[in-house]
Amino acid sequence: MGPSIVDVMADSFDPVPMIERYRERAAAVKRRNLPPVGGEERQQFIRQAEQDFMDFAMIGDAEATLEDGVLTLRIDLRGGS
């Protein structure tokens, strides 16, 4: 059995493009159109979009380091800086 995908990634992974993809995903959520639904379905869609944006934006704002095969994302949640 050969090396796992994690073993291969640990040697060549660059976290910067991953962070940029998350920034792009956050921006895409902001541009997402609301489907033609109403009532509870519409509210559910809005809640999901808000959660998606928050998740993607947090990772998009992270400082990433890769040391000894361990990816660490540092996210400052204090705000205002």
PDB file of N, CA and C in Angstrom:
ATOM      1  N   MET A   1       0.847  -1.172   0.000  1.00  0.00           N
ATOM      2  CA  MET A   1       0.000   0.000   0.000  1.00  0.00           C
ATOM      3  C   MET A   1       0.895   1.237   0.000  1.00  0.00           C
ATOM      4  N   GLY A   2       0.582   2.211  -0.854  1.00  0.00           N
ATOM      5  CA  GLY A   2       1.386   3.420  -0.997  1.00  0.00           C
ATOM      6  C   GLY A   2       1.042   4.463   0.043  1.00  0.00           C
ATOM      7  N   PRO A   3       1.676   5.619  -0.075  1.00  0.00           N
ATOM      8  CA  PRO A   3       1.414   6.700   0.885  1.00  0.00           C
ATOM      9  C   PRO A   3      -0.008   7.224   0.740  1.00  0.00           C
ATOM     10  N   SER A   4      -0.565   7.685   1.859  1.00  0.00           N
ATOM     11  CA  SER A   4      -1.918   8.246   1.832  1.00  0.00           C
ATOM     12  C   SER A   4      -1.880   9.655   1.262  1.00  0.00           C
ATOM     13  N   ILE A   5      -3.041  10.190   0.917  1.00  0.00           N
ATOM     14  CA  ILE A   5      -3.134  11.552   0.392  1.00  0.00           C
ATOM     15  C   ILE A   5      -2.616  12.550   1.422  1.00  0.00           C
ATOM     16  N   VAL A   6      -2.822  12.271   2.696  1.00  0.00           N
ATOM     17  CA  VAL A   6      -2.328  13.157   3.746  1.00  0.00           C
ATOM     18  C   VAL A   6      -0.801  13.174   3.745  1.00  0.00           C
ATOM     19  N   ASP A   7      -0.177  12.000   3.568  1.00  0.00           N
ATOM     20  CA  ASP A   7       1.282  11.947   3.516  1.00  0.00           C
ATOM     21  C   ASP A   7       1.817  12.764   2.349  1.00  0.00           C
ATOM     22  N   VAL A   8       1.188  12.653   1.197  1.00  0.00           N
ATOM     23  CA  VAL A   8       1.613  13.386   0.014  1.00  0.00           C
ATOM     24  C   VAL A   8       1.403  14.885   0.218  1.00  0.00           C
ATOM     25  N   MET A   9       0.251  15.265   0.759  1.00  0.00           N
ATOM     26  CA  MET A   9      -0.062  16.681   0.975  1.00  0.00           C
ATOM     27  C   MET A   9       0.881  17.321   1.981  1.00  0.00           C
ATOM     28  N   ALA A  10       1.273  16.594   2.997  1.00  0.00           N
ATOM     29  CA  ALA A  10       2.128  17.158   4.037  1.00  0.00           C
ATOM     30  C   ALA A  10       3.446  17.647   3.457  1.00  0.00           C
ATOM     31  N   ASP A  11       3.903  17.031   2.385  1.00  0.00           N
ATOM     32  CA  ASP A  11       5.172  17.417   1.778  1.00  0.00           C
ATOM     33  C   ASP A  11       5.049  18.592   0.818  1.00  0.00           C
ATOM     34  N   SER A  12       3.869  18.784   0.205  1.00  0.00           N
ATOM     35  CA  SER A  12       3.775  19.779  -0.859  1.00  0.00           C
ATOM     36  C   SER A  12       2.635  20.785  -0.695  1.00  0.00           C
ATOM     37  N   PHE A  13       1.886  20.699   0.363  1.00  0.00           N
ATOM     38  CA  PHE A  13       0.710  21.547   0.539  1.00  0.00           C
ATOM     39  C   PHE A  13       1.098  22.994   0.797  1.00  0.00           C
ATOM     40  N   ASP A  14       0.435  23.911   0.089  1.00  0.00           N
ATOM     41  CA  ASP A  14       0.606  25.344   0.308  1.00  0.00           C
ATOM     42  C   ASP A  14      -0.734  25.879   0.799  1.00  0.00           C
ATOM     43  N   PRO A  15      -0.831  26.345   2.050  1.00  0.00           N
ATOM     44  CA  PRO A  15      -2.121  26.777   2.583  1.00  0.00           C
ATOM     45  C   PRO A  15      -2.632  28.088   1.997  1.00  0.00           C
ATOM     46  N   VAL A  16      -1.776  28.886   1.383  1.00  0.00           N
ATOM     47  CA  VAL A  16      -2.195  30.194   0.873  1.00  0.00           C
ATOM     48  C   VAL A  16      -3.304  30.073  -0.178  1.00  0.00           C
ATOM     49  N   PRO A  17      -3.189  29.207  -1.185  1.00  0.00           N
ATOM     50  CA  PRO A  17      -4.298  29.073  -2.146  1.00  0.00           C
ATOM     51  C   PRO A  17      -5.594  28.584  -1.491  1.00  0.00           C
ATOM     52  N   MET A  18      -5.477  27.728  -0.479  1.00  0.00           N
ATOM     53  CA  MET A  18      -6.677  27.254   0.219  1.00  0.00           C
ATOM     54  C   MET A  18      -7.388  28.423   0.899  1.00  0.00           C
ATOM     55  N   ILE A  19      -6.619  29.286   1.567  1.00  0.00           N
ATOM     56  CA  ILE A  19      -7.199  30.454   2.233  1.00  0.00           C
ATOM     57  C   ILE A  19      -7.885  31.345   1.208  1.00  0.00           C
ATOM     58  N   GLU A  20      -7.253  31.544   0.059  1.00  0.00           N
ATOM     59  CA  GLU A  20      -7.835  32.379  -0.998  1.00  0.00           C
ATOM     60  C   GLU A  20      -9.154  31.772  -1.509  1.00  0.00           C
ATOM     61  N   ARG A  21      -9.211  30.443  -1.638  1.00  0.00           N
ATOM     62  CA  ARG A  21     -10.466  29.804  -2.076  1.00  0.00           C
ATOM     63  C   ARG A  21     -11.585  30.071  -1.076  1.00  0.00           C
ATOM     64  N   TYR A  22     -11.262  30.064   0.205  1.00  0.00           N
ATOM     65  CA  TYR A  22     -12.287  30.356   1.208  1.00  0.00           C
ATOM     66  C   TYR A  22     -12.740  31.808   1.134  1.00  0.00           C
ATOM     67  N   ARG A  23     -11.830  32.725   0.843  1.00  0.00           N
ATOM     68  CA  ARG A  23     -12.231  34.122   0.644  1.00  0.00           C
ATOM     69  C   ARG A  23     -13.188  34.231  -0.538  1.00  0.00           C
ATOM     70  N   GLU A  24     -12.868  33.515  -1.618  1.00  0.00           N
ATOM     71  CA  GLU A  24     -13.736  33.521  -2.806  1.00  0.00           C
ATOM     72  C   GLU A  24     -15.099  32.923  -2.485  1.00  0.00           C
ATOM     73  N   ARG A  25     -15.127  31.863  -1.688  1.00  0.00           N
ATOM     74  CA  ARG A  25     -16.409  31.254  -1.311  1.00  0.00           C
ATOM     75  C   ARG A  25     -17.245  32.205  -0.466  1.00  0.00           C
ATOM     76  N   ALA A  26     -16.615  32.925   0.440  1.00  0.00           N
ATOM     77  CA  ALA A  26     -17.345  33.901   1.257  1.00  0.00           C
ATOM     78  C   ALA A  26     -17.955  34.974   0.370  1.00  0.00           C
ATOM     79  N   ALA A  27     -17.186  35.464  -0.588  1.00  0.00           N
ATOM     80  CA  ALA A  27     -17.697  36.484  -1.515  1.00  0.00           C
ATOM     81  C   ALA A  27     -18.843  35.925  -2.355  1.00  0.00           C
ATOM     82  N   ALA A  28     -18.744  34.668  -2.763  1.00  0.00           N
ATOM     83  CA  ALA A  28     -19.802  34.047  -3.564  1.00  0.00           C
ATOM     84  C   ALA A  28     -21.098  33.932  -2.769  1.00  0.00           C
ATOM     85  N   VAL A  29     -20.996  33.635  -1.486  1.00  0.00           N
ATOM     86  CA  VAL A  29     -22.201  33.561  -0.644  1.00  0.00           C
ATOM     87  C   VAL A  29     -22.871  34.926  -0.591  1.00  0.00           C
ATOM     88  N   LYS A  30     -22.081  35.984  -0.478  1.00  0.00           N
ATOM     89  CA  LYS A  30     -22.649  37.339  -0.440  1.00  0.00           C
ATOM     90  C   LYS A  30     -23.382  37.671  -1.739  1.00  0.00           C
ATOM     91  N   ARG A  31     -22.893  37.141  -2.858  1.00  0.00           N
ATOM     92  CA  ARG A  31     -23.517  37.424  -4.156  1.00  0.00           C
ATOM     93  C   ARG A  31     -24.684  36.485  -4.480  1.00  0.00           C
ATOM     94  N   ARG A  32     -24.845  35.444  -3.695  1.00  0.00           N
ATOM     95  CA  ARG A  32     -25.859  34.411  -3.960  1.00  0.00           C
ATOM     96  C   ARG A  32     -27.260  35.018  -3.970  1.00  0.00           C
ATOM     97  N   ASN A  33     -28.011  34.717  -5.001  1.00  0.00           N
ATOM     98  CA  ASN A  33     -29.402  35.176  -5.094  1.00  0.00           C
ATOM     99  C   ASN A  33     -30.309  34.295  -4.251  1.00  0.00           C
ATOM    100  N   LEU A  34     -31.343  34.907  -3.714  1.00  0.00           N
ATOM    101  CA  LEU A  34     -32.335  34.140  -2.965  1.00  0.00           C
ATOM    102  C   LEU A  34     -33.222  33.385  -3.947  1.00  0.00           C
ATOM    103  N   PRO A  35     -33.499  32.124  -3.668  1.00  0.00           N
ATOM    104  CA  PRO A  35     -34.408  31.385  -4.545  1.00  0.00           C
ATOM    105  C   PRO A  35     -35.836  31.904  -4.375  1.00  0.00           C
ATOM    106  N   PRO A  36     -36.682  31.627  -5.349  1.00  0.00           N
ATOM    107  CA  PRO A  36     -38.068  32.119  -5.273  1.00  0.00           C
ATOM    108  C   PRO A  36     -38.921  31.270  -4.319  1.00  0.00           C
ATOM    109  N   VAL A  37     -38.548  31.296  -3.056  1.00  0.00           N
ATOM    110  CA  VAL A  37     -39.314  30.586  -2.029  1.00  0.00           C
ATOM    111  C   VAL A  37     -39.732  31.593  -0.976  1.00  0.00           C
ATOM    112  N   GLY A  38     -40.715  31.240  -0.212  1.00  0.00           N
ATOM    113  CA  GLY A  38     -41.198  32.147   0.816  1.00  0.00           C
ATOM    114  C   GLY A  38     -41.293  31.468   2.157  1.00  0.00           C
ATOM    115  N   GLY A  39     -41.689  32.223   3.125  1.00  0.00           N
ATOM    116  CA  GLY A  39     -41.962  31.695   4.456  1.00  0.00           C
ATOM    117  C   GLY A  39     -40.755  31.081   5.126  1.00  0.00           C
ATOM    118  N   GLU A  40     -40.979  29.941   5.762  1.00  0.00           N
ATOM    119  CA  GLU A  40     -39.941  29.262   6.538  1.00  0.00           C
ATOM    120  C   GLU A  40     -38.788  28.798   5.653  1.00  0.00           C
ATOM    121  N   GLU A  41     -39.074  28.354   4.434  1.00  0.00           N
ATOM    122  CA  GLU A  41     -37.997  27.915   3.535  1.00  0.00           C
ATOM    123  C   GLU A  41     -37.048  29.070   3.230  1.00  0.00           C
ATOM    124  N   ARG A  42     -37.597  30.238   3.023  1.00  0.00           N
ATOM    125  CA  ARG A  42     -36.774  31.419   2.743  1.00  0.00           C
ATOM    126  C   ARG A  42     -35.901  31.757   3.951  1.00  0.00           C
ATOM    127  N   GLN A  43     -36.473  31.735   5.149  1.00  0.00           N
ATOM    128  CA  GLN A  43     -35.711  32.011   6.359  1.00  0.00           C
ATOM    129  C   GLN A  43     -34.613  30.966   6.571  1.00  0.00           C
ATOM    130  N   GLN A  44     -34.917  29.726   6.280  1.00  0.00           N
ATOM    131  CA  GLN A  44     -33.931  28.654   6.408  1.00  0.00           C
ATOM    132  C   GLN A  44     -32.773  28.883   5.432  1.00  0.00           C
ATOM    133  N   PHE A  45     -33.067  29.282   4.201  1.00  0.00           N
ATOM    134  CA  PHE A  45     -32.042  29.581   3.212  1.00  0.00           C
ATOM    135  C   PHE A  45     -31.165  30.741   3.675  1.00  0.00           C
ATOM    136  N   ILE A  46     -31.784  31.775   4.214  1.00  0.00           N
ATOM    137  CA  ILE A  46     -31.044  32.946   4.697  1.00  0.00           C
ATOM    138  C   ILE A  46     -30.126  32.561   5.858  1.00  0.00           C
ATOM    139  N   ARG A  47     -30.646  31.772   6.803  1.00  0.00           N
ATOM    140  CA  ARG A  47     -29.821  31.328   7.937  1.00  0.00           C
ATOM    141  C   ARG A  47     -28.621  30.520   7.455  1.00  0.00           C
ATOM    142  N   GLN A  48     -28.856  29.624   6.483  1.00  0.00           N
ATOM    143  CA  GLN A  48     -27.765  28.805   5.960  1.00  0.00           C
ATOM    144  C   GLN A  48     -26.725  29.675   5.256  1.00  0.00           C
ATOM    145  N   ALA A  49     -27.166  30.657   4.491  1.00  0.00           N
ATOM    146  CA  ALA A  49     -26.238  31.564   3.806  1.00  0.00           C
ATOM    147  C   ALA A  49     -25.410  32.349   4.821  1.00  0.00           C
ATOM    148  N   GLU A  50     -26.025  32.795   5.904  1.00  0.00           N
ATOM    149  CA  GLU A  50     -25.295  33.525   6.939  1.00  0.00           C
ATOM    150  C   GLU A  50     -24.235  32.637   7.586  1.00  0.00           C
ATOM    151  N   GLN A  51     -24.597  31.382   7.862  1.00  0.00           N
ATOM    152  CA  GLN A  51     -23.631  30.445   8.449  1.00  0.00           C
ATOM    153  C   GLN A  51     -22.501  30.142   7.469  1.00  0.00           C
ATOM    154  N   ASP A  52     -22.849  29.913   6.206  1.00  0.00           N
ATOM    155  CA  ASP A  52     -21.826  29.648   5.191  1.00  0.00           C
ATOM    156  C   ASP A  52     -20.863  30.816   5.099  1.00  0.00           C
ATOM    157  N   PHE A  53     -21.395  32.035   5.040  1.00  0.00           N
ATOM    158  CA  PHE A  53     -20.542  33.215   4.940  1.00  0.00           C
ATOM    159  C   PHE A  53     -19.606  33.301   6.147  1.00  0.00           C
ATOM    160  N   MET A  54     -20.138  33.129   7.338  1.00  0.00           N
ATOM    161  CA  MET A  54     -19.316  33.235   8.540  1.00  0.00           C
ATOM    162  C   MET A  54     -18.200  32.187   8.531  1.00  0.00           C
ATOM    163  N   ASP A  55     -18.532  30.943   8.191  1.00  0.00           N
ATOM    164  CA  ASP A  55     -17.527  29.880   8.162  1.00  0.00           C
ATOM    165  C   ASP A  55     -16.441  30.184   7.131  1.00  0.00           C
ATOM    166  N   PHE A  56     -16.862  30.508   5.902  1.00  0.00           N
ATOM    167  CA  PHE A  56     -15.898  30.771   4.840  1.00  0.00           C
ATOM    168  C   PHE A  56     -15.067  32.020   5.140  1.00  0.00           C
ATOM    169  N   ALA A  57     -15.694  33.064   5.661  1.00  0.00           N
ATOM    170  CA  ALA A  57     -14.977  34.306   5.952  1.00  0.00           C
ATOM    171  C   ALA A  57     -13.960  34.099   7.075  1.00  0.00           C
ATOM    172  N   MET A  58     -14.310  33.318   8.085  1.00  0.00           N
ATOM    173  CA  MET A  58     -13.367  33.071   9.174  1.00  0.00           C
ATOM    174  C   MET A  58     -12.123  32.363   8.656  1.00  0.00           C
ATOM    175  N   ILE A  59     -12.307  31.327   7.867  1.00  0.00           N
ATOM    176  CA  ILE A  59     -11.145  30.618   7.332  1.00  0.00           C
ATOM    177  C   ILE A  59     -10.404  31.505   6.338  1.00  0.00           C
ATOM    178  N   GLY A  60     -11.146  32.312   5.581  1.00  0.00           N
ATOM    179  CA  GLY A  60     -10.513  33.238   4.651  1.00  0.00           C
ATOM    180  C   GLY A  60      -9.675  34.297   5.333  1.00  0.00           C
ATOM    181  N   ASP A  61      -9.970  34.597   6.590  1.00  0.00           N
ATOM    182  CA  ASP A  61      -9.200  35.572   7.364  1.00  0.00           C
ATOM    183  C   ASP A  61      -8.086  34.932   8.190  1.00  0.00           C
ATOM    184  N   ALA A  62      -7.978  33.619   8.126  1.00  0.00           N
ATOM    185  CA  ALA A  62      -7.007  32.913   8.961  1.00  0.00           C
ATOM    186  C   ALA A  62      -5.576  33.142   8.493  1.00  0.00           C
ATOM    187  N   GLU A  63      -4.675  33.049   9.455  1.00  0.00           N
ATOM    188  CA  GLU A  63      -3.247  32.971   9.162  1.00  0.00           C
ATOM    189  C   GLU A  63      -2.898  31.493   9.235  1.00  0.00           C
ATOM    190  N   ALA A  64      -2.389  30.958   8.148  1.00  0.00           N
ATOM    191  CA  ALA A  64      -2.101  29.531   8.090  1.00  0.00           C
ATOM    192  C   ALA A  64      -0.605  29.283   8.191  1.00  0.00           C
ATOM    193  N   THR A  65      -0.256  28.258   8.960  1.00  0.00           N
ATOM    194  CA  THR A  65       1.120  27.797   9.019  1.00  0.00           C
ATOM    195  C   THR A  65       1.120  26.286   8.846  1.00  0.00           C
ATOM    196  N   LEU A  66       2.175  25.801   8.242  1.00  0.00           N
ATOM    197  CA  LEU A  66       2.348  24.363   8.051  1.00  0.00           C
ATOM    198  C   LEU A  66       3.721  24.015   8.595  1.00  0.00           C
ATOM    199  N   GLU A  67       3.747  23.322   9.708  1.00  0.00           N
ATOM    200  CA  GLU A  67       4.999  22.947  10.350  1.00  0.00           C
ATOM    201  C   GLU A  67       4.985  21.469  10.677  1.00  0.00           C
ATOM    202  N   ASP A  68       6.000  20.788  10.203  1.00  0.00           N
ATOM    203  CA  ASP A  68       6.141  19.345  10.442  1.00  0.00           C
ATOM    204  C   ASP A  68       4.880  18.575  10.059  1.00  0.00           C
ATOM    205  N   GLY A  69       4.250  19.002   8.959  1.00  0.00           N
ATOM    206  CA  GLY A  69       3.072  18.303   8.471  1.00  0.00           C
ATOM    207  C   GLY A  69       1.780  18.648   9.192  1.00  0.00           C
ATOM    208  N   VAL A  70       1.807  19.632  10.080  1.00  0.00           N
ATOM    209  CA  VAL A  70       0.609  20.026  10.831  1.00  0.00           C
ATOM    210  C   VAL A  70       0.167  21.400  10.346  1.00  0.00           C
ATOM    211  N   LEU A  71      -1.053  21.450   9.797  1.00  0.00           N
ATOM    212  CA  LEU A  71      -1.638  22.710   9.350  1.00  0.00           C
ATOM    213  C   LEU A  71      -2.341  23.361  10.533  1.00  0.00           C
ATOM    214  N   THR A  72      -1.964  24.608  10.813  1.00  0.00           N
ATOM    215  CA  THR A  72      -2.588  25.358  11.897  1.00  0.00           C
ATOM    216  C   THR A  72      -3.198  26.621  11.308  1.00  0.00           C
ATOM    217  N   LEU A  73      -4.475  26.838  11.602  1.00  0.00           N
ATOM    218  CA  LEU A  73      -5.164  28.056  11.192  1.00  0.00           C
ATOM    219  C   LEU A  73      -5.364  28.908  12.428  1.00  0.00           C
ATOM    220  N   ARG A  74      -4.841  30.120  12.382  1.00  0.00           N
ATOM    221  CA  ARG A  74      -4.983  31.051  13.511  1.00  0.00           C
ATOM    222  C   ARG A  74      -5.977  32.128  13.093  1.00  0.00           C
ATOM    223  N   ILE A  75      -7.071  32.226  13.859  1.00  0.00           N
ATOM    224  CA  ILE A  75      -8.148  33.166  13.535  1.00  0.00           C
ATOM    225  C   ILE A  75      -8.370  34.063  14.744  1.00  0.00           C
ATOM    226  N   ASP A  76      -8.177  35.360  14.542  1.00  0.00           N
ATOM    227  CA  ASP A  76      -8.381  36.332  15.608  1.00  0.00           C
ATOM    228  C   ASP A  76      -9.867  36.697  15.674  1.00  0.00           C
ATOM    229  N   LEU A  77     -10.530  36.261  16.720  1.00  0.00           N
ATOM    230  CA  LEU A  77     -11.964  36.510  16.882  1.00  0.00           C
ATOM    231  C   LEU A  77     -12.252  37.730  17.749  1.00  0.00           C
ATOM    232  N   ARG A  78     -11.196  38.462  18.102  1.00  0.00           N
ATOM    233  CA  ARG A  78     -11.406  39.640  18.954  1.00  0.00           C
ATOM    234  C   ARG A  78     -12.028  40.795  18.204  1.00  0.00           C
ATOM    235  N   GLY A  79     -11.843  40.837  16.873  1.00  0.00           N
ATOM    236  CA  GLY A  79     -12.426  41.912  16.065  1.00  0.00           C
ATOM    237  C   GLY A  79     -11.778  43.253  16.309  1.00  0.00           C
ATOM    238  N   GLY A  80     -12.156  44.217  15.479  1.00  0.00           N
ATOM    239  CA  GLY A  80     -11.704  45.575  15.652  1.00  0.00           C
ATOM    240  C   GLY A  80     -10.263  45.867  15.282  1.00  0.00           C
ATOM    241  N   SER A  81      -9.566  44.895  14.718  1.00  0.00           N
ATOM    242  CA  SER A  81      -8.161  45.182  14.383  1.00  0.00           C
ATOM    243  C   SER A  81      -7.906  45.235  12.920  1.00  0.00           C
TER     244      SER A  81
END
